[in-house]
Amino acid sequence: MKKKSLLLIIMLSLAFFYNAKSQTLTPSVISSSGGFYSSSNASLSFTVAEMTMVQTLSSVNNFLTQGFQQPEDFAEGISENQVFSGDFIAYPNPTSGKFTLSFSGENNSEAYIKIYNLLGQVILTKTISQSVGNNSIVFDIRNNSVGIYMLEFSYINKRGEKVKSYQKINLVY
């Protein structure tokens, strides 16, 4: 009985240590595009712009590059619905350089507009007088490079609090 118990303990211990030291590999690929082709002789699947562990084997007339490939296609993004939040709206967006900023003023005071490039550099600063009700002002940023800019709109509300809002501006030609 002792031999059987000892043998059982040894086998369970070996199984535990074998499983504890085993490795699992979960492949993942960051890819921008890809596809799959299949015929009666062979099949081919590929990804474009993948980041993975890759090995290339070659012979006189053949090359084989192998790596891991993502089994499913998924993407995440942020929708850019143009919704007037009550603070301001810039239109048209995307713009060729001239756009209108419309906002509803809470009181007769100053509003401050800054436009930043993606490096965080201020490319335009403007102080405007806002009145109660609808206000609009036209901006021209055609002298800047094509790209994405951030518009910062700030003002002091009725309670004396500084309010800041942001909108992405797409400059295209």
N, C-alpha and C. Protein backbone atom coordinates (compact mmCIF):
# COMPACT_ATOMS: atom_id res chain seq x y z
N MET A 1 0.81 -1.19 0.00
CA MET A 1 0.00 0.00 0.00
C MET A 1 0.86 1.26 0.00
N LYS A 2 1.97 1.22 0.79
CA LYS A 2 2.86 2.38 0.84
C LYS A 2 3.49 2.64 -0.51
N LYS A 3 3.84 1.58 -1.23
CA LYS A 3 4.46 1.74 -2.55
C LYS A 3 3.48 2.40 -3.53
N LYS A 4 2.22 1.97 -3.47
CA LYS A 4 1.21 2.54 -4.37
C LYS A 4 0.97 4.01 -4.04
N SER A 5 0.90 4.35 -2.77
CA SER A 5 0.70 5.75 -2.35
C SER A 5 1.89 6.60 -2.75
N LEU A 6 3.08 6.08 -2.54
CA LEU A 6 4.29 6.80 -2.92
C LEU A 6 4.36 7.00 -4.43
N LEU A 7 4.02 5.96 -5.17
CA LEU A 7 4.01 6.05 -6.63
C LEU A 7 2.97 7.06 -7.11
N LEU A 8 1.80 7.08 -6.48
CA LEU A 8 0.74 8.02 -6.84
C LEU A 8 1.18 9.46 -6.55
N ILE A 9 1.83 9.68 -5.40
CA ILE A 9 2.31 11.02 -5.05
C ILE A 9 3.38 11.47 -6.03
N ILE A 10 4.28 10.59 -6.41
CA ILE A 10 5.34 10.94 -7.38
C ILE A 10 4.73 11.29 -8.72
N MET A 11 3.77 10.51 -9.17
CA MET A 11 3.14 10.77 -10.48
C MET A 11 2.37 12.10 -10.47
N LEU A 12 1.64 12.36 -9.39
CA LEU A 12 0.92 13.63 -9.29
C LEU A 12 1.88 14.80 -9.22
N SER A 13 2.97 14.64 -8.50
CA SER A 13 3.99 15.69 -8.41
C SER A 13 4.61 15.97 -9.77
N LEU A 14 4.95 14.93 -10.50
CA LEU A 14 5.52 15.11 -11.84
C LEU A 14 4.53 15.78 -12.77
N ALA A 15 3.28 15.35 -12.70
CA ALA A 15 2.26 15.97 -13.55
C ALA A 15 2.10 17.45 -13.21
N PHE A 16 2.11 17.77 -11.92
CA PHE A 16 1.97 19.16 -11.50
C PHE A 16 3.15 20.00 -11.99
N PHE A 17 4.38 19.51 -11.76
CA PHE A 17 5.56 20.27 -12.18
C PHE A 17 5.65 20.36 -13.70
N TYR A 18 5.25 19.34 -14.41
CA TYR A 18 5.27 19.38 -15.88
C TYR A 18 4.31 20.45 -16.39
N ASN A 19 3.10 20.49 -15.83
CA ASN A 19 2.12 21.50 -16.25
C ASN A 19 2.51 22.89 -15.77
N ALA A 20 3.11 23.00 -14.60
CA ALA A 20 3.49 24.30 -14.06
C ALA A 20 4.60 24.94 -14.89
N LYS A 21 5.47 24.14 -15.49
CA LYS A 21 6.59 24.66 -16.25
C LYS A 21 6.30 24.74 -17.75
N SER A 22 5.16 24.25 -18.18
CA SER A 22 4.86 24.30 -19.61
C SER A 22 4.52 25.73 -20.01
N GLN A 23 4.74 26.05 -21.25
CA GLN A 23 4.47 27.38 -21.75
C GLN A 23 3.32 27.32 -22.71
N THR A 24 2.55 28.36 -22.72
CA THR A 24 1.51 28.49 -23.73
C THR A 24 1.83 29.75 -24.52
N LEU A 25 1.48 29.72 -25.77
CA LEU A 25 1.76 30.84 -26.66
C LEU A 25 0.46 31.31 -27.26
N THR A 26 0.14 32.54 -27.01
CA THR A 26 -1.05 33.14 -27.60
C THR A 26 -0.58 34.12 -28.66
N PRO A 27 -0.68 33.76 -29.92
CA PRO A 27 -0.18 34.64 -30.96
C PRO A 27 -1.07 35.87 -31.13
N SER A 28 -0.45 36.98 -31.44
CA SER A 28 -1.22 38.18 -31.78
C SER A 28 -0.46 38.96 -32.82
N VAL A 29 -1.19 39.57 -33.69
CA VAL A 29 -0.63 40.33 -34.80
C VAL A 29 -1.35 41.67 -34.85
N ILE A 30 -0.59 42.74 -35.02
CA ILE A 30 -1.19 44.04 -35.29
C ILE A 30 -1.05 44.24 -36.78
N SER A 31 -2.18 44.33 -37.44
CA SER A 31 -2.18 44.34 -38.89
C SER A 31 -3.16 45.37 -39.39
N SER A 32 -2.85 45.98 -40.52
CA SER A 32 -3.76 46.96 -41.10
C SER A 32 -4.68 46.36 -42.15
N SER A 33 -4.31 45.22 -42.71
CA SER A 33 -5.13 44.61 -43.75
C SER A 33 -4.67 43.18 -43.95
N GLY A 34 -5.38 42.44 -44.76
CA GLY A 34 -4.98 41.06 -45.02
C GLY A 34 -6.00 40.36 -45.90
N GLY A 35 -5.79 39.06 -46.10
CA GLY A 35 -6.71 38.30 -46.93
C GLY A 35 -6.42 36.83 -46.87
N PHE A 36 -7.23 36.05 -47.61
CA PHE A 36 -7.11 34.61 -47.62
C PHE A 36 -7.42 34.11 -49.02
N TYR A 37 -6.62 33.17 -49.51
CA TYR A 37 -6.82 32.56 -50.83
C TYR A 37 -6.71 31.05 -50.66
N SER A 38 -7.60 30.32 -51.34
CA SER A 38 -7.57 28.88 -51.23
C SER A 38 -7.87 28.27 -52.58
N SER A 39 -7.14 27.21 -52.93
CA SER A 39 -7.42 26.43 -54.13
C SER A 39 -7.33 24.96 -53.75
N SER A 40 -7.49 24.07 -54.73
CA SER A 40 -7.42 22.64 -54.42
C SER A 40 -6.00 22.21 -54.04
N ASN A 41 -4.98 22.96 -54.45
CA ASN A 41 -3.60 22.58 -54.17
C ASN A 41 -3.02 23.21 -52.91
N ALA A 42 -3.46 24.41 -52.58
CA ALA A 42 -2.83 25.12 -51.46
C ALA A 42 -3.76 26.20 -50.93
N SER A 43 -3.39 26.74 -49.80
CA SER A 43 -4.11 27.90 -49.26
C SER A 43 -3.07 28.91 -48.79
N LEU A 44 -3.47 30.17 -48.82
CA LEU A 44 -2.57 31.25 -48.46
C LEU A 44 -3.37 32.27 -47.67
N SER A 45 -2.87 32.64 -46.52
CA SER A 45 -3.45 33.75 -45.78
C SER A 45 -2.33 34.74 -45.50
N PHE A 46 -2.67 36.01 -45.46
CA PHE A 46 -1.63 37.02 -45.30
C PHE A 46 -2.17 38.22 -44.54
N THR A 47 -1.23 38.96 -43.96
CA THR A 47 -1.55 40.23 -43.34
C THR A 47 -0.57 41.27 -43.84
N VAL A 48 -1.01 42.51 -43.84
CA VAL A 48 -0.18 43.62 -44.28
C VAL A 48 0.17 44.45 -43.06
N ALA A 49 1.41 44.85 -42.98
CA ALA A 49 1.91 45.70 -41.89
C ALA A 49 1.76 45.01 -40.56
N GLU A 50 2.16 43.74 -40.51
CA GLU A 50 2.02 43.00 -39.26
C GLU A 50 3.25 43.17 -38.38
N MET A 51 3.01 43.11 -37.11
CA MET A 51 4.08 43.12 -36.13
C MET A 51 4.03 41.78 -35.42
N THR A 52 4.97 40.90 -35.69
CA THR A 52 4.93 39.56 -35.13
C THR A 52 6.32 38.96 -35.14
N MET A 53 6.43 37.79 -34.58
CA MET A 53 7.67 37.03 -34.66
C MET A 53 7.65 36.32 -36.01
N VAL A 54 8.64 36.54 -36.86
CA VAL A 54 8.63 36.01 -38.21
C VAL A 54 9.92 35.26 -38.47
N GLN A 55 9.80 34.15 -39.17
CA GLN A 55 10.96 33.38 -39.59
C GLN A 55 10.85 33.17 -41.09
N THR A 56 11.92 33.37 -41.82
CA THR A 56 11.92 33.17 -43.26
C THR A 56 12.85 32.02 -43.60
N LEU A 57 12.33 31.08 -44.35
CA LEU A 57 13.10 29.94 -44.83
C LEU A 57 13.18 30.06 -46.34
N SER A 58 14.30 29.66 -46.92
CA SER A 58 14.42 29.77 -48.37
C SER A 58 15.20 28.60 -48.94
N SER A 59 14.89 28.30 -50.17
CA SER A 59 15.66 27.35 -50.95
C SER A 59 15.96 28.03 -52.28
N VAL A 60 16.38 27.28 -53.27
CA VAL A 60 16.79 27.89 -54.53
C VAL A 60 15.67 28.71 -55.16
N ASN A 61 14.47 28.17 -55.28
CA ASN A 61 13.38 28.88 -55.96
C ASN A 61 12.21 29.24 -55.05
N ASN A 62 12.29 28.93 -53.78
CA ASN A 62 11.14 29.13 -52.89
C ASN A 62 11.51 29.93 -51.66
N PHE A 63 10.57 30.74 -51.22
CA PHE A 63 10.68 31.47 -49.97
C PHE A 63 9.44 31.19 -49.15
N LEU A 64 9.63 30.97 -47.86
CA LEU A 64 8.52 30.76 -46.95
C LEU A 64 8.76 31.63 -45.74
N THR A 65 7.82 32.53 -45.49
CA THR A 65 7.87 33.36 -44.30
C THR A 65 6.73 32.92 -43.41
N GLN A 66 7.05 32.58 -42.19
CA GLN A 66 6.00 32.12 -41.30
C GLN A 66 6.01 32.94 -40.03
N GLY A 67 4.84 33.08 -39.48
CA GLY A 67 4.67 33.82 -38.24
C GLY A 67 3.28 33.54 -37.72
N PHE A 68 2.80 34.39 -36.87
CA PHE A 68 1.48 34.22 -36.30
C PHE A 68 0.51 35.15 -37.01
N GLN A 69 -0.75 34.76 -37.01
CA GLN A 69 -1.75 35.58 -37.66
C GLN A 69 -3.00 35.63 -36.79
N GLN A 70 -3.61 36.78 -36.75
CA GLN A 70 -4.80 36.97 -35.93
C GLN A 70 -5.97 36.18 -36.50
N PRO A 71 -6.66 35.37 -35.71
CA PRO A 71 -7.74 34.55 -36.24
C PRO A 71 -9.02 35.31 -36.54
N GLU A 72 -9.20 36.51 -36.02
CA GLU A 72 -10.42 37.25 -36.29
C GLU A 72 -10.07 38.70 -36.57
N ASP A 73 -10.99 39.39 -37.21
CA ASP A 73 -10.79 40.78 -37.58
C ASP A 73 -11.65 41.64 -36.67
N PHE A 74 -11.04 42.58 -35.97
CA PHE A 74 -11.80 43.49 -35.12
C PHE A 74 -11.12 44.84 -35.16
N ALA A 75 -11.90 45.87 -34.90
CA ALA A 75 -11.37 47.23 -34.88
C ALA A 75 -12.12 48.04 -33.85
N GLU A 76 -11.43 49.03 -33.32
CA GLU A 76 -12.06 49.94 -32.39
C GLU A 76 -11.82 51.35 -32.90
N GLY A 77 -12.75 52.21 -32.65
CA GLY A 77 -12.60 53.58 -33.10
C GLY A 77 -13.45 54.52 -32.28
N ILE A 78 -13.28 55.78 -32.54
CA ILE A 78 -14.07 56.80 -31.86
C ILE A 78 -14.88 57.50 -32.92
N SER A 79 -16.19 57.48 -32.76
CA SER A 79 -17.03 58.15 -33.75
C SER A 79 -16.92 59.65 -33.56
N GLU A 80 -17.06 60.36 -34.65
CA GLU A 80 -16.95 61.81 -34.61
C GLU A 80 -18.26 62.42 -35.06
N ASN A 81 -19.32 62.14 -34.34
CA ASN A 81 -20.60 62.73 -34.68
C ASN A 81 -20.57 64.21 -34.36
N GLN A 82 -21.05 65.00 -35.28
CA GLN A 82 -21.05 66.43 -35.11
C GLN A 82 -22.29 66.82 -34.33
N VAL A 83 -22.16 66.95 -33.03
CA VAL A 83 -23.29 67.28 -32.17
C VAL A 83 -23.02 68.63 -31.53
N PHE A 84 -24.01 69.49 -31.58
CA PHE A 84 -23.88 70.79 -30.94
C PHE A 84 -24.13 70.61 -29.45
N SER A 85 -23.09 70.79 -28.66
CA SER A 85 -23.17 70.51 -27.23
C SER A 85 -23.73 71.68 -26.44
N GLY A 86 -24.02 72.78 -27.08
CA GLY A 86 -24.47 73.95 -26.35
C GLY A 86 -23.33 74.93 -26.15
N ASP A 87 -22.08 74.45 -26.21
CA ASP A 87 -20.93 75.33 -26.05
C ASP A 87 -20.61 76.00 -27.39
N PHE A 88 -20.23 75.18 -28.38
CA PHE A 88 -19.87 75.73 -29.67
C PHE A 88 -19.87 74.63 -30.72
N ILE A 89 -19.84 75.05 -31.98
CA ILE A 89 -19.68 74.12 -33.10
C ILE A 89 -18.88 74.84 -34.18
N ALA A 90 -17.96 74.10 -34.79
CA ALA A 90 -17.15 74.64 -35.89
C ALA A 90 -17.56 73.90 -37.15
N TYR A 91 -17.89 74.64 -38.20
CA TYR A 91 -18.32 74.04 -39.46
C TYR A 91 -17.84 74.88 -40.63
N PRO A 92 -17.62 74.35 -41.82
CA PRO A 92 -17.62 72.93 -42.13
C PRO A 92 -16.37 72.27 -41.55
N ASN A 93 -16.50 71.03 -41.23
CA ASN A 93 -15.39 70.26 -40.68
C ASN A 93 -15.51 68.84 -41.21
N PRO A 94 -14.61 68.39 -42.08
CA PRO A 94 -13.33 68.96 -42.48
C PRO A 94 -13.51 70.27 -43.26
N THR A 95 -12.45 71.06 -43.21
CA THR A 95 -12.47 72.38 -43.85
C THR A 95 -11.26 72.54 -44.77
N SER A 96 -11.42 73.42 -45.75
CA SER A 96 -10.29 73.75 -46.61
C SER A 96 -9.52 74.95 -46.05
N GLY A 97 -9.91 75.41 -44.89
CA GLY A 97 -9.18 76.50 -44.24
C GLY A 97 -10.08 77.54 -43.63
N LYS A 98 -11.20 77.84 -44.28
CA LYS A 98 -12.15 78.80 -43.72
C LYS A 98 -13.27 78.04 -43.05
N PHE A 99 -13.52 78.35 -41.79
CA PHE A 99 -14.63 77.72 -41.07
C PHE A 99 -15.27 78.73 -40.14
N THR A 100 -16.48 78.44 -39.75
CA THR A 100 -17.26 79.31 -38.88
C THR A 100 -17.38 78.67 -37.50
N LEU A 101 -17.19 79.45 -36.48
CA LEU A 101 -17.38 79.02 -35.12
C LEU A 101 -18.67 79.66 -34.63
N SER A 102 -19.65 78.85 -34.27
CA SER A 102 -20.92 79.34 -33.74
C SER A 102 -21.07 78.89 -32.30
N PHE A 103 -21.60 79.78 -31.47
CA PHE A 103 -21.79 79.45 -30.06
C PHE A 103 -22.90 80.30 -29.49
N SER A 104 -23.42 79.84 -28.39
CA SER A 104 -24.49 80.55 -27.70
C SER A 104 -23.90 81.21 -26.47
N GLY A 105 -23.96 82.53 -26.42
CA GLY A 105 -23.39 83.27 -25.30
C GLY A 105 -24.33 83.31 -24.12
N GLU A 106 -23.79 83.09 -22.93
CA GLU A 106 -24.59 83.16 -21.69
C GLU A 106 -24.70 84.59 -21.16
N ASN A 107 -23.68 85.39 -21.43
CA ASN A 107 -23.66 86.76 -20.93
C ASN A 107 -22.80 87.61 -21.85
N ASN A 108 -22.81 88.89 -21.62
CA ASN A 108 -21.97 89.81 -22.39
C ASN A 108 -20.59 89.83 -21.76
N SER A 109 -19.65 89.12 -22.38
CA SER A 109 -18.30 89.04 -21.84
C SER A 109 -17.36 88.64 -22.97
N GLU A 110 -16.13 88.34 -22.59
CA GLU A 110 -15.15 87.93 -23.58
C GLU A 110 -15.10 86.40 -23.66
N ALA A 111 -14.78 85.91 -24.85
CA ALA A 111 -14.52 84.48 -25.06
C ALA A 111 -13.13 84.38 -25.66
N TYR A 112 -12.47 83.27 -25.41
CA TYR A 112 -11.08 83.10 -25.84
C TYR A 112 -10.98 81.87 -26.72
N ILE A 113 -10.33 82.04 -27.86
CA ILE A 113 -10.17 80.93 -28.79
C ILE A 113 -8.69 80.73 -29.03
N LYS A 114 -8.28 79.45 -28.94
CA LYS A 114 -6.91 79.07 -29.28
C LYS A 114 -7.00 77.89 -30.22
N ILE A 115 -6.12 77.85 -31.20
CA ILE A 115 -6.02 76.70 -32.09
C ILE A 115 -4.61 76.17 -31.96
N TYR A 116 -4.51 74.86 -31.70
CA TYR A 116 -3.24 74.16 -31.50
C TYR A 116 -3.00 73.19 -32.65
N ASN A 117 -1.72 73.03 -33.01
CA ASN A 117 -1.38 71.92 -33.91
C ASN A 117 -1.17 70.67 -33.07
N LEU A 118 -0.86 69.54 -33.71
CA LEU A 118 -0.72 68.30 -32.96
C LEU A 118 0.55 68.23 -32.11
N LEU A 119 1.44 69.18 -32.28
CA LEU A 119 2.62 69.26 -31.42
C LEU A 119 2.33 70.06 -30.16
N GLY A 120 1.11 70.60 -30.06
CA GLY A 120 0.72 71.39 -28.90
C GLY A 120 1.10 72.84 -29.01
N GLN A 121 1.57 73.25 -30.17
CA GLN A 121 1.95 74.65 -30.38
C GLN A 121 0.72 75.47 -30.74
N VAL A 122 0.60 76.64 -30.14
CA VAL A 122 -0.53 77.53 -30.43
C VAL A 122 -0.27 78.19 -31.78
N ILE A 123 -1.18 78.01 -32.73
CA ILE A 123 -1.01 78.63 -34.04
C ILE A 123 -1.91 79.85 -34.22
N LEU A 124 -2.93 80.00 -33.33
CA LEU A 124 -3.81 81.15 -33.41
C LEU A 124 -4.42 81.40 -32.04
N THR A 125 -4.44 82.66 -31.64
CA THR A 125 -5.09 83.07 -30.39
C THR A 125 -5.97 84.26 -30.71
N LYS A 126 -7.20 84.23 -30.22
CA LYS A 126 -8.12 85.33 -30.51
C LYS A 126 -9.03 85.54 -29.30
N THR A 127 -9.22 86.80 -28.93
CA THR A 127 -10.18 87.17 -27.89
C THR A 127 -11.32 87.87 -28.58
N ILE A 128 -12.54 87.41 -28.30
CA ILE A 128 -13.71 88.00 -28.96
C ILE A 128 -14.71 88.44 -27.91
N SER A 129 -15.56 89.37 -28.27
CA SER A 129 -16.65 89.80 -27.39
C SER A 129 -17.88 88.98 -27.74
N GLN A 130 -18.43 88.31 -26.74
CA GLN A 130 -19.65 87.55 -26.98
C GLN A 130 -20.83 88.29 -26.36
N SER A 131 -21.98 88.10 -26.97
CA SER A 131 -23.20 88.68 -26.44
C SER A 131 -24.16 87.56 -26.09
N VAL A 132 -25.19 87.88 -25.33
CA VAL A 132 -26.18 86.88 -24.97
C VAL A 132 -26.89 86.43 -26.25
N GLY A 133 -27.00 85.11 -26.43
CA GLY A 133 -27.66 84.57 -27.63
C GLY A 133 -26.64 83.99 -28.60
N ASN A 134 -27.06 83.89 -29.85
CA ASN A 134 -26.22 83.26 -30.88
C ASN A 134 -25.12 84.20 -31.34
N ASN A 135 -23.92 83.65 -31.44
CA ASN A 135 -22.73 84.36 -31.91
C ASN A 135 -22.03 83.51 -32.94
N SER A 136 -21.35 84.14 -33.88
CA SER A 136 -20.54 83.38 -34.84
C SER A 136 -19.37 84.24 -35.29
N ILE A 137 -18.29 83.56 -35.64
CA ILE A 137 -17.09 84.23 -36.12
C ILE A 137 -16.42 83.31 -37.15
N VAL A 138 -15.86 83.90 -38.20
CA VAL A 138 -15.22 83.14 -39.27
C VAL A 138 -13.71 83.15 -39.04
N PHE A 139 -13.10 81.98 -39.20
CA PHE A 139 -11.65 81.83 -39.07
C PHE A 139 -11.08 81.39 -40.41
N ASP A 140 -9.84 81.79 -40.65
CA ASP A 140 -9.13 81.38 -41.87
C ASP A 140 -7.76 80.85 -41.46
N ILE A 141 -7.57 79.53 -41.61
CA ILE A 141 -6.28 78.92 -41.27
C ILE A 141 -5.66 78.28 -42.52
N ARG A 142 -5.97 78.83 -43.69
CA ARG A 142 -5.46 78.26 -44.95
C ARG A 142 -3.94 78.35 -45.07
N ASN A 143 -3.30 79.22 -44.31
CA ASN A 143 -1.84 79.35 -44.40
C ASN A 143 -1.12 78.26 -43.62
N ASN A 144 -1.85 77.36 -42.98
CA ASN A 144 -1.25 76.26 -42.23
C ASN A 144 -1.25 74.98 -43.06
N SER A 145 -0.44 74.04 -42.62
CA SER A 145 -0.33 72.76 -43.32
C SER A 145 -1.59 71.93 -43.15
N VAL A 146 -1.83 71.06 -44.10
CA VAL A 146 -2.92 70.10 -44.00
C VAL A 146 -2.70 69.24 -42.77
N GLY A 147 -3.74 68.97 -42.02
CA GLY A 147 -3.60 68.13 -40.84
C GLY A 147 -4.74 68.33 -39.87
N ILE A 148 -4.50 67.88 -38.67
CA ILE A 148 -5.51 67.94 -37.61
C ILE A 148 -5.08 69.00 -36.60
N TYR A 149 -6.03 69.83 -36.21
CA TYR A 149 -5.81 70.90 -35.26
C TYR A 149 -6.86 70.81 -34.15
N MET A 150 -6.53 71.33 -32.99
CA MET A 150 -7.47 71.36 -31.88
C MET A 150 -7.88 72.80 -31.62
N LEU A 151 -9.19 73.04 -31.56
CA LEU A 151 -9.73 74.35 -31.27
C LEU A 151 -10.17 74.35 -29.81
N GLU A 152 -9.67 75.29 -29.05
CA GLU A 152 -10.06 75.46 -27.65
C GLU A 152 -10.91 76.69 -27.54
N PHE A 153 -12.09 76.54 -26.98
CA PHE A 153 -13.03 77.64 -26.79
C PHE A 153 -13.26 77.78 -25.29
N SER A 154 -12.96 78.95 -24.73
CA SER A 154 -13.14 79.14 -23.29
C SER A 154 -13.83 80.47 -23.02
N TYR A 155 -14.58 80.48 -21.93
CA TYR A 155 -15.31 81.68 -21.52
C TYR A 155 -15.62 81.56 -20.03
N ILE A 156 -16.08 82.66 -19.45
CA ILE A 156 -16.52 82.67 -18.05
C ILE A 156 -18.04 82.62 -18.06
N ASN A 157 -18.61 81.60 -17.39
CA ASN A 157 -20.07 81.47 -17.40
C ASN A 157 -20.72 82.40 -16.37
N LYS A 158 -22.06 82.32 -16.24
CA LYS A 158 -22.81 83.20 -15.34
C LYS A 158 -22.39 83.05 -13.89
N ARG A 159 -21.93 81.87 -13.50
CA ARG A 159 -21.53 81.62 -12.12
C ARG A 159 -20.08 82.04 -11.85
N GLY A 160 -19.41 82.58 -12.87
CA GLY A 160 -18.03 83.02 -12.70
C GLY A 160 -17.00 81.92 -12.88
N GLU A 161 -17.43 80.75 -13.39
CA GLU A 161 -16.51 79.62 -13.60
C GLU A 161 -15.97 79.66 -15.02
N LYS A 162 -14.69 79.30 -15.16
CA LYS A 162 -14.08 79.23 -16.48
C LYS A 162 -14.46 77.90 -17.13
N VAL A 163 -15.03 77.96 -18.32
CA VAL A 163 -15.48 76.78 -19.06
C VAL A 163 -14.59 76.65 -20.29
N LYS A 164 -14.04 75.43 -20.50
CA LYS A 164 -13.22 75.16 -21.68
C LYS A 164 -13.82 73.99 -22.44
N SER A 165 -13.89 74.12 -23.75
CA SER A 165 -14.36 73.05 -24.62
C SER A 165 -13.39 72.93 -25.79
N TYR A 166 -13.33 71.72 -26.35
CA TYR A 166 -12.40 71.45 -27.44
C TYR A 166 -13.12 70.78 -28.61
N GLN A 167 -12.62 71.06 -29.80
CA GLN A 167 -13.09 70.35 -30.99
C GLN A 167 -11.93 70.16 -31.94
N LYS A 168 -11.90 68.99 -32.55
CA LYS A 168 -10.87 68.69 -33.55
C LYS A 168 -11.28 69.35 -34.85
N ILE A 169 -10.32 69.99 -35.51
CA ILE A 169 -10.54 70.60 -36.82
C ILE A 169 -9.67 69.86 -37.82
N ASN A 170 -10.29 69.33 -38.87
CA ASN A 170 -9.55 68.63 -39.94
C ASN A 170 -9.33 69.62 -41.09
N LEU A 171 -8.08 69.97 -41.33
CA LEU A 171 -7.74 70.88 -42.42
C LEU A 171 -7.31 70.06 -43.62
N VAL A 172 -8.07 70.14 -44.70
CA VAL A 172 -7.78 69.41 -45.93
C VAL A 172 -7.80 70.39 -47.10
N TYR A 173 -7.17 70.02 -48.19
CA TYR A 173 -7.23 70.87 -49.40
C TYR A 173 -7.84 70.12 -50.54
